[in-house]
Amino acid sequence: MSSPPPATPLPQPPSAAPLPDEEDDHLHTRAVADRDATRQAREQMVGQRPGTLIVREDALSPRLFLISYDENFYEEHEYPRYDELLAYFREHPDQKHWIDIRGYDDLPLMQRIQEDFRIHPLQMEDVLGDYQRAKVEETEDGLFLVSRMTEFTRLLDIDDDQLSIFTGANYVLTFQDDYEDCLDAVRLRLRTGRSNIRRRTPLYLAYALTDVVLDHYYPTMAAIGDYLETLEERIFQGRPDRRVLNRILHIKKDIVRFRRLVYPEREKIAELLRMPDETVPEEIKVFFKDCYDHAIQALDLAESYRETVSSLVELYMSDQSNRANEVMKVLTIISSIFIPLSFVVGLYGMNFQREAPDGRINYLNMPELYSPWGYPVLLGLLLLIVIGQLTYFYRKGWLTNR
């Protein structure tokens, strides 16, 4: 028996500080890569016969884990060969088993597992496709459940992986495309033996896995909430720029994506609760009702954050409008000051000669042009006009934020 790895606690929300400016391009690059990967995966299936198994090019090599347990027994081991795992599984039918397959890059192995556990080709196609929404289906031996595991990464993206679960009389078979997951809390409960998982049926283990997946939605939403607060503070501090708007729109897409993950999860659990007691016993439905409540809460949080993002966009646009108004206010005040000055200067720029060509004096044509104090008096008049306008603007509150 291999020594069990250390337990991993529930993940804490990553730092929600805004990204450095040079990392903004990652948001666009990641979004484009995700869209291309999803499009290529779906285009690969176009025209294929239903039930055709196709392994993605970036799939990892399979790792095979087996946890065998009952109320008084526990053994955990990683098998290098599938035959060894299958032999131990068949030699101990009185025990309960959790068979965990991590990685899909071995099509013959996937086909053998499909045959040995009587998995329908369409369901195995859903497993290897790895972009299936959360759902539940009945199988010959039990249930087929799909959940989406989520994590809000430090690069401010929602990373989600598919967890496929098959249940049988004495086993739970899980598939996932990554070596790392969020299920260590369940493994710890099995190792310690202080939970009900060892004493109950394998369907209870499927519930526990589903519950842990739902529990990990909350750190994801908490990290998103912290990041939204950071963006809001940055807007209120009067330092928003185009990068802030880009991040707001990016997190809005993440929230919409998260909602698309949670909503099918709620529908999946609701369908489980509607199944007959022969398929899902009433004693297990009680626990799935708690999962249903968690899904509702996560969905409410997603709706709340979506409204918050819409408010942030409005707040950003309002701030930009206010800043534009402030600029226009300053320009208007400057223009208002120079309009009368320009009038006076323009008035004295008119070419009305005081002395006519025949030598006569036109006494009405700017007599002050020949006064020794004409220029200083005019400058003083212009200064008084400026002072008078500034005083009037100040009393009206136009020079302050009143």
Protein backbone atom coordinates (compact mmCIF):
# COMPACT_ATOMS: atom_id res chain seq x y z
CA MET A 1 0.00 0.00 0.00
CA SER A 2 1.43 3.34 -1.00
CA SER A 3 1.72 6.09 1.56
CA PRO A 4 -1.16 8.54 1.20
CA PRO A 5 -0.26 12.03 0.00
CA PRO A 6 -0.84 14.93 2.40
CA ALA A 7 -4.32 16.33 2.51
CA THR A 8 -5.06 19.51 0.64
CA PRO A 9 -7.42 22.00 2.31
CA LEU A 10 -10.03 23.96 0.46
CA PRO A 11 -8.30 26.56 -1.72
CA GLN A 12 -8.21 30.11 -0.50
CA PRO A 13 -9.20 32.89 -2.88
CA PRO A 14 -6.13 34.14 -4.77
CA SER A 15 -4.93 37.68 -4.44
CA ALA A 16 -7.40 40.01 -6.09
CA ALA A 17 -4.95 42.83 -6.79
CA PRO A 18 -5.18 44.24 -10.30
CA LEU A 19 -2.85 42.73 -12.81
CA PRO A 20 0.29 44.58 -13.90
CA ASP A 21 -0.23 46.42 -17.13
CA GLU A 22 2.15 44.16 -19.04
CA GLU A 23 0.00 41.11 -18.20
CA ASP A 24 -3.20 42.54 -19.68
CA ASP A 25 -2.47 40.83 -22.99
CA HIS A 26 -2.79 37.46 -21.23
CA LEU A 27 -6.52 38.00 -20.79
CA HIS A 28 -7.06 38.32 -24.52
CA THR A 29 -4.61 35.53 -25.37
CA ARG A 30 -6.25 33.11 -22.93
CA ALA A 31 -9.75 33.90 -24.19
CA VAL A 32 -8.72 33.33 -27.80
CA ALA A 33 -6.98 30.06 -26.89
CA ASP A 34 -10.04 28.78 -25.02
CA ARG A 35 -12.34 29.61 -27.91
CA ASP A 36 -10.03 27.92 -30.41
CA ALA A 37 -9.69 24.78 -28.27
CA THR A 38 -13.45 24.48 -27.85
CA ARG A 39 -14.09 25.11 -31.53
CA GLN A 40 -11.50 22.57 -32.64
CA ALA A 41 -12.87 19.95 -30.23
CA ARG A 42 -16.39 20.39 -31.54
CA GLU A 43 -15.37 20.56 -35.19
CA GLN A 44 -13.49 17.30 -34.68
CA MET A 45 -16.79 15.59 -33.87
CA VAL A 46 -18.71 17.02 -36.82
CA GLY A 47 -19.89 14.23 -39.10
CA GLN A 48 -18.61 11.44 -36.86
CA ARG A 49 -20.73 8.40 -36.08
CA PRO A 50 -22.41 8.71 -32.64
CA GLY A 51 -20.29 7.04 -30.00
CA THR A 52 -16.98 7.55 -31.83
CA LEU A 53 -14.21 7.96 -29.27
CA ILE A 54 -11.70 10.69 -30.02
CA VAL A 55 -8.88 11.73 -27.69
CA ARG A 56 -7.79 15.37 -27.70
CA GLU A 57 -4.26 16.15 -28.86
CA ASP A 58 -3.36 17.83 -25.55
CA ALA A 59 -4.66 14.96 -23.37
CA LEU A 60 -2.41 13.68 -20.59
CA SER A 61 -1.19 10.13 -20.19
CA PRO A 62 -3.53 8.15 -17.91
CA ARG A 63 -2.72 7.64 -14.24
CA LEU A 64 -4.68 4.89 -12.50
CA PHE A 65 -5.64 5.20 -8.83
CA LEU A 66 -7.65 2.75 -6.75
CA ILE A 67 -9.02 3.31 -3.26
CA SER A 68 -10.56 0.20 -1.72
CA TYR A 69 -12.42 0.52 1.55
CA ASP A 70 -15.14 -0.61 3.88
CA GLU A 71 -16.00 0.28 7.45
CA ASN A 72 -12.85 -1.38 8.85
CA PHE A 73 -10.51 -1.42 5.86
CA TYR A 74 -8.74 1.12 3.68
CA GLU A 75 -6.14 0.78 0.94
CA GLU A 76 -4.96 3.34 -1.58
CA HIS A 77 -2.63 2.62 -4.47
CA GLU A 78 -1.57 3.96 -7.88
CA TYR A 79 -1.27 1.19 -10.45
CA PRO A 80 1.15 1.40 -13.37
CA ARG A 81 -0.90 -1.12 -15.38
CA TYR A 82 -4.66 -1.35 -15.79
CA ASP A 83 -4.62 -5.18 -15.64
CA GLU A 84 -3.29 -5.08 -12.08
CA LEU A 85 -5.96 -2.64 -10.99
CA LEU A 86 -8.73 -4.65 -12.64
CA ALA A 87 -7.48 -7.90 -11.11
CA TYR A 88 -7.52 -6.46 -7.60
CA PHE A 89 -10.95 -4.94 -8.18
CA ARG A 90 -12.43 -8.27 -9.31
CA GLU A 91 -10.74 -10.26 -6.55
CA HIS A 92 -12.37 -8.12 -3.83
CA PRO A 93 -16.07 -7.80 -4.71
CA ASP A 94 -16.98 -7.52 -1.03
CA GLN A 95 -15.13 -4.20 -0.74
CA LYS A 96 -16.13 -0.82 -2.09
CA HIS A 97 -13.81 0.79 -4.63
CA TRP A 98 -13.09 4.23 -6.00
CA ILE A 99 -11.34 3.92 -9.36
CA ASP A 100 -9.90 7.28 -10.40
CA ILE A 101 -8.63 7.70 -13.98
CA ARG A 102 -6.67 10.92 -14.54
CA GLY A 103 -5.75 11.58 -18.16
CA TYR A 104 -7.21 10.27 -21.42
CA ASP A 105 -4.28 9.89 -23.81
CA ASP A 106 -4.66 6.14 -24.32
CA LEU A 107 -7.61 5.28 -26.53
CA PRO A 108 -7.22 1.47 -26.30
CA LEU A 109 -7.24 1.75 -22.50
CA MET A 110 -10.37 3.90 -22.59
CA GLN A 111 -12.05 1.31 -24.81
CA ARG A 112 -11.12 -1.50 -22.42
CA ILE A 113 -12.52 0.41 -19.47
CA GLN A 114 -15.69 1.02 -21.47
CA GLU A 115 -16.10 -2.71 -22.09
CA ASP A 116 -15.17 -3.84 -18.57
CA PHE A 117 -17.59 -1.49 -16.85
CA ARG A 118 -20.32 -1.69 -19.51
CA ILE A 119 -20.24 2.02 -20.30
CA HIS A 120 -22.42 3.12 -23.21
CA PRO A 121 -20.40 4.48 -26.18
CA LEU A 122 -22.32 7.77 -26.10
CA GLN A 123 -21.47 8.24 -22.43
CA MET A 124 -17.81 7.42 -23.04
CA GLU A 125 -17.87 9.94 -25.87
CA ASP A 126 -19.10 12.54 -23.37
CA VAL A 127 -16.24 11.61 -21.03
CA LEU A 128 -13.49 12.02 -23.61
CA GLY A 129 -15.09 15.11 -25.17
CA ASP A 130 -14.45 16.92 -21.87
CA TYR A 131 -16.74 19.88 -22.61
CA GLN A 132 -20.01 18.33 -21.47
CA ARG A 133 -22.37 20.34 -19.28
CA ALA A 134 -23.36 18.97 -15.88
CA LYS A 135 -25.94 16.21 -16.18
CA VAL A 136 -27.08 12.83 -14.81
CA GLU A 137 -28.11 9.67 -16.69
CA GLU A 138 -29.07 6.18 -15.64
CA THR A 139 -26.79 3.30 -16.66
CA GLU A 140 -27.03 -0.48 -16.50
CA ASP A 141 -25.17 -0.54 -13.17
CA GLY A 142 -26.13 2.79 -11.63
CA LEU A 143 -25.71 6.44 -12.59
CA PHE A 144 -23.55 8.56 -14.86
CA LEU A 145 -22.92 12.06 -13.51
CA VAL A 146 -20.97 14.96 -14.99
CA SER A 147 -19.79 17.91 -12.92
CA ARG A 148 -17.58 20.91 -13.67
CA MET A 149 -14.76 21.62 -11.22
CA THR A 150 -13.84 25.32 -11.11
CA GLU A 151 -10.98 27.44 -9.88
CA PHE A 152 -10.33 31.19 -10.13
CA THR A 153 -6.66 31.30 -11.08
CA ARG A 154 -4.13 33.95 -10.12
CA LEU A 155 -4.19 35.07 -13.74
CA LEU A 156 -7.83 36.06 -13.15
CA ASP A 157 -9.39 33.32 -15.26
CA ILE A 158 -11.99 30.71 -14.35
CA ASP A 159 -10.39 27.35 -15.02
CA ASP A 160 -12.90 24.50 -15.18
CA ASP A 161 -12.36 20.76 -15.65
CA GLN A 162 -14.85 18.00 -16.22
CA LEU A 163 -15.40 15.31 -13.60
CA SER A 164 -17.23 12.24 -14.94
CA ILE A 165 -18.62 9.80 -12.36
CA PHE A 166 -20.00 6.30 -12.91
CA THR A 167 -21.55 4.40 -10.02
CA GLY A 168 -22.08 0.68 -9.59
CA ALA A 169 -23.01 -1.80 -6.92
CA ASN A 170 -19.58 -1.72 -5.28
CA TYR A 171 -17.64 0.96 -7.09
CA VAL A 172 -17.38 4.56 -8.19
CA LEU A 173 -15.44 5.19 -11.41
CA THR A 174 -14.25 8.75 -12.07
CA PHE A 175 -12.57 10.31 -15.09
CA GLN A 176 -10.80 13.67 -15.26
CA ASP A 177 -8.35 15.17 -17.72
CA ASP A 178 -5.90 16.66 -15.20
CA TYR A 179 -3.69 15.19 -12.50
CA GLU A 180 -4.65 17.89 -10.00
CA ASP A 181 -8.20 18.21 -8.70
CA CYS A 182 -10.29 19.47 -5.79
CA LEU A 183 -11.19 16.04 -4.38
CA ASP A 184 -8.47 15.68 -1.73
CA ALA A 185 -11.00 16.53 0.99
CA VAL A 186 -12.93 13.36 0.11
CA ARG A 187 -9.74 11.31 0.06
CA LEU A 188 -8.87 12.63 3.52
CA ARG A 189 -12.28 11.64 4.85
CA LEU A 190 -11.78 8.13 3.47
CA ARG A 191 -8.32 7.83 5.02
CA THR A 192 -9.35 8.96 8.46
CA GLY A 193 -12.47 6.80 8.49
CA ARG A 194 -14.38 9.30 10.60
CA SER A 195 -16.99 10.06 7.94
CA ASN A 196 -20.00 8.13 6.70
CA ILE A 197 -18.43 7.40 3.33
CA ARG A 198 -16.93 4.08 4.43
CA ARG A 199 -20.18 2.89 6.01
CA ARG A 200 -22.54 3.90 3.21
CA THR A 201 -23.04 2.79 -0.37
CA PRO A 202 -20.86 3.94 -3.29
CA LEU A 203 -23.67 6.31 -4.29
CA TYR A 204 -22.91 8.25 -1.10
CA LEU A 205 -19.30 8.61 -2.33
CA ALA A 206 -20.70 10.04 -5.60
CA TYR A 207 -22.68 12.50 -3.50
CA ALA A 208 -19.54 13.44 -1.53
CA LEU A 209 -17.62 14.10 -4.76
CA THR A 210 -20.47 16.25 -6.10
CA ASP A 211 -20.66 18.14 -2.82
CA VAL A 212 -16.93 18.93 -2.82
CA VAL A 213 -17.18 20.22 -6.40
CA LEU A 214 -20.01 22.51 -5.35
CA ASP A 215 -18.09 23.64 -2.26
CA HIS A 216 -15.25 24.75 -4.50
CA TYR A 217 -17.60 27.12 -6.27
CA TYR A 218 -17.52 29.38 -3.21
CA PRO A 219 -13.75 30.12 -3.20
CA THR A 220 -14.12 30.85 -6.90
CA MET A 221 -16.96 33.30 -6.28
CA ALA A 222 -15.17 34.80 -3.26
CA ALA A 223 -12.10 35.52 -5.40
CA ILE A 224 -14.30 37.09 -8.08
CA GLY A 225 -16.03 39.21 -5.42
CA ASP A 226 -12.69 40.43 -4.04
CA TYR A 227 -11.51 41.31 -7.51
CA LEU A 228 -14.71 43.24 -8.24
CA GLU A 229 -14.21 45.24 -5.03
CA THR A 230 -10.65 46.03 -6.11
CA LEU A 231 -11.86 47.30 -9.47
CA GLU A 232 -14.57 49.35 -7.77
CA GLU A 233 -12.01 50.95 -5.43
CA ARG A 234 -9.78 51.79 -8.36
CA ILE A 235 -12.67 53.55 -10.08
CA PHE A 236 -13.58 55.48 -6.92
CA GLN A 237 -9.96 56.52 -6.46
CA GLY A 238 -10.26 58.40 -9.74
CA ARG A 239 -7.61 56.37 -11.59
CA PRO A 240 -9.62 54.32 -14.08
CA ASP A 241 -8.31 53.88 -17.59
CA ARG A 242 -9.06 51.72 -20.58
CA ARG A 243 -7.32 48.75 -18.96
CA VAL A 244 -9.78 48.83 -16.08
CA LEU A 245 -12.70 48.65 -18.49
CA ASN A 246 -11.06 45.73 -20.30
CA ARG A 247 -10.72 43.86 -17.01
CA ILE A 248 -14.31 44.58 -16.06
CA LEU A 249 -15.55 43.20 -19.37
CA HIS A 250 -13.26 40.17 -19.02
CA ILE A 251 -14.52 39.33 -15.53
CA LYS A 252 -18.06 39.78 -16.81
CA LYS A 253 -17.42 37.01 -19.33
CA ASP A 254 -16.01 34.84 -16.56
CA ILE A 255 -19.13 35.36 -14.43
CA VAL A 256 -21.42 34.53 -17.35
CA ARG A 257 -19.32 31.44 -17.98
CA PHE A 258 -19.51 30.47 -14.31
CA ARG A 259 -23.28 30.85 -14.36
CA ARG A 260 -23.44 28.54 -17.38
CA LEU A 261 -21.55 25.98 -15.28
CA VAL A 262 -23.70 26.28 -12.15
CA TYR A 263 -27.12 26.33 -13.76
CA PRO A 264 -26.85 22.81 -15.27
CA GLU A 265 -25.47 21.62 -11.93
CA ARG A 266 -28.67 22.75 -10.25
CA GLU A 267 -30.77 21.04 -12.91
CA LYS A 268 -28.72 17.85 -12.56
CA ILE A 269 -29.34 17.65 -8.83
CA ALA A 270 -33.03 18.45 -9.30
CA GLU A 271 -33.26 15.52 -11.72
CA LEU A 272 -31.52 13.28 -9.17
CA LEU A 273 -34.14 14.22 -6.59
CA ARG A 274 -36.91 13.27 -9.03
CA MET A 275 -35.52 9.79 -9.66
CA PRO A 276 -37.32 6.81 -8.13
CA ASP A 277 -36.16 5.50 -4.77
CA GLU A 278 -34.95 2.30 -6.42
CA THR A 279 -32.34 4.36 -8.28
CA VAL A 280 -31.55 7.00 -5.64
CA PRO A 281 -32.67 5.94 -2.15
CA GLU A 282 -34.46 8.51 -0.01
CA GLU A 283 -31.65 8.46 2.54
CA ILE A 284 -29.25 9.65 -0.18
CA LYS A 285 -31.69 12.19 -1.60
CA VAL A 286 -31.55 14.04 1.72
CA PHE A 287 -27.88 14.77 1.10
CA PHE A 288 -28.44 15.72 -2.52
CA LYS A 289 -31.05 18.24 -1.32
CA ASP A 290 -28.22 19.96 0.55
CA CYS A 291 -26.23 20.01 -2.71
CA TYR A 292 -29.24 21.56 -4.40
CA ASP A 293 -29.25 24.37 -1.81
CA HIS A 294 -25.54 24.96 -2.44
CA ALA A 295 -26.15 25.17 -6.18
CA ILE A 296 -28.94 27.69 -5.64
CA GLN A 297 -26.68 29.83 -3.45
CA ALA A 298 -23.85 29.73 -6.00
CA LEU A 299 -26.30 30.67 -8.73
CA ASP A 300 -27.59 33.59 -6.65
CA LEU A 301 -24.02 34.78 -6.12
CA ALA A 302 -23.36 34.58 -9.86
CA GLU A 303 -26.48 36.66 -10.56
CA SER A 304 -25.48 39.18 -7.91
CA TYR A 305 -21.96 39.51 -9.32
CA ARG A 306 -23.32 39.88 -12.84
CA GLU A 307 -25.39 42.85 -11.65
CA THR A 308 -22.32 44.19 -9.84
CA VAL A 309 -20.30 44.04 -13.05
CA SER A 310 -23.05 45.91 -14.92
CA SER A 311 -22.96 48.54 -12.17
CA LEU A 312 -19.17 48.78 -12.49
CA VAL A 313 -19.48 49.41 -16.22
CA GLU A 314 -22.02 52.15 -15.54
CA LEU A 315 -19.79 53.54 -12.79
CA TYR A 316 -16.80 53.56 -15.13
CA MET A 317 -18.75 55.33 -17.88
CA SER A 318 -20.14 57.80 -15.34
CA ASP A 319 -16.63 58.51 -14.06
CA GLN A 320 -15.37 59.04 -17.60
CA SER A 321 -18.30 61.36 -18.27
CA ASN A 322 -17.59 63.32 -15.08
CA ARG A 323 -13.93 63.64 -15.98
CA ALA A 324 -14.90 64.89 -19.44
CA ASN A 325 -17.29 67.36 -17.81
CA GLU A 326 -14.50 68.60 -15.56
CA VAL A 327 -12.29 69.16 -18.57
CA MET A 328 -15.08 70.98 -20.39
CA LYS A 329 -15.71 73.04 -17.26
CA VAL A 330 -12.10 74.19 -17.13
CA LEU A 331 -12.05 74.95 -20.84
CA THR A 332 -15.34 76.83 -20.55
CA ILE A 333 -14.06 78.96 -17.67
CA ILE A 334 -10.88 79.76 -19.60
CA SER A 335 -12.93 80.65 -22.67
CA SER A 336 -15.26 82.79 -20.59
CA ILE A 337 -12.31 84.72 -19.21
CA PHE A 338 -10.75 85.38 -22.59
CA ILE A 339 -13.95 86.30 -24.44
CA PRO A 340 -14.24 89.82 -22.93
CA LEU A 341 -10.47 90.25 -23.13
CA SER A 342 -10.57 89.33 -26.79
CA PHE A 343 -13.43 91.79 -27.28
CA VAL A 344 -11.46 94.66 -25.75
CA VAL A 345 -8.26 93.78 -27.60
CA GLY A 346 -10.20 93.35 -30.84
CA LEU A 347 -11.90 96.69 -30.29
CA TYR A 348 -8.55 98.45 -30.02
CA GLY A 349 -7.24 96.57 -33.01
CA MET A 350 -9.64 98.39 -35.35
CA ASN A 351 -7.87 100.71 -37.80
CA PHE A 352 -9.83 103.91 -37.32
CA GLN A 353 -7.30 106.75 -37.81
CA ARG A 354 -7.49 109.70 -35.43
CA GLU A 355 -5.92 112.05 -38.03
CA ALA A 356 -7.68 112.31 -41.39
CA PRO A 357 -5.72 112.59 -44.70
CA ASP A 358 -6.61 116.30 -44.98
CA GLY A 359 -5.07 116.98 -41.57
CA ARG A 360 -8.31 117.23 -39.59
CA ILE A 361 -8.52 115.46 -36.18
CA ASN A 362 -11.32 112.91 -35.64
CA TYR A 363 -11.87 113.38 -31.92
CA LEU A 364 -14.23 110.38 -31.65
CA ASN A 365 -11.68 107.87 -33.04
CA MET A 366 -9.97 106.40 -29.91
CA PRO A 367 -8.60 109.56 -28.33
CA GLU A 368 -6.87 107.41 -25.63
CA LEU A 369 -4.40 106.04 -28.19
CA TYR A 370 -2.33 109.19 -27.74
CA SER A 371 -2.70 109.34 -23.98
CA PRO A 372 0.54 108.58 -22.05
CA TRP A 373 -1.51 106.43 -19.61
CA GLY A 374 -3.62 104.69 -22.25
CA TYR A 375 -1.74 101.38 -22.32
CA PRO A 376 -1.38 100.96 -18.51
CA VAL A 377 -5.05 101.87 -18.06
CA LEU A 378 -6.07 99.30 -20.65
CA LEU A 379 -3.97 96.58 -18.95
CA GLY A 380 -5.54 97.49 -15.63
CA LEU A 381 -8.99 97.28 -17.18
CA LEU A 382 -8.24 93.82 -18.54
CA LEU A 383 -6.95 92.72 -15.13
CA LEU A 384 -10.07 94.02 -13.41
CA ILE A 385 -12.23 92.11 -15.89
CA VAL A 386 -10.36 88.89 -15.09
CA ILE A 387 -10.56 89.44 -11.32
CA GLY A 388 -14.25 90.29 -11.58
CA GLN A 389 -15.01 87.12 -13.55
CA LEU A 390 -13.02 84.87 -11.20
CA THR A 391 -14.80 86.38 -8.22
CA TYR A 392 -18.17 85.80 -9.83
CA PHE A 393 -17.29 82.20 -10.76
CA TYR A 394 -16.04 81.50 -7.24
CA ARG A 395 -19.21 82.82 -5.61
CA LYS A 396 -21.26 80.66 -7.96
CA GLY A 397 -19.20 77.64 -6.95
CA TRP A 398 -17.95 76.99 -10.45
CA LEU A 399 -14.30 76.94 -9.37
CA THR A 400 -14.93 74.34 -6.66
CA ASN A 401 -16.81 71.04 -6.42
CA ARG A 402 -19.78 72.58 -4.68
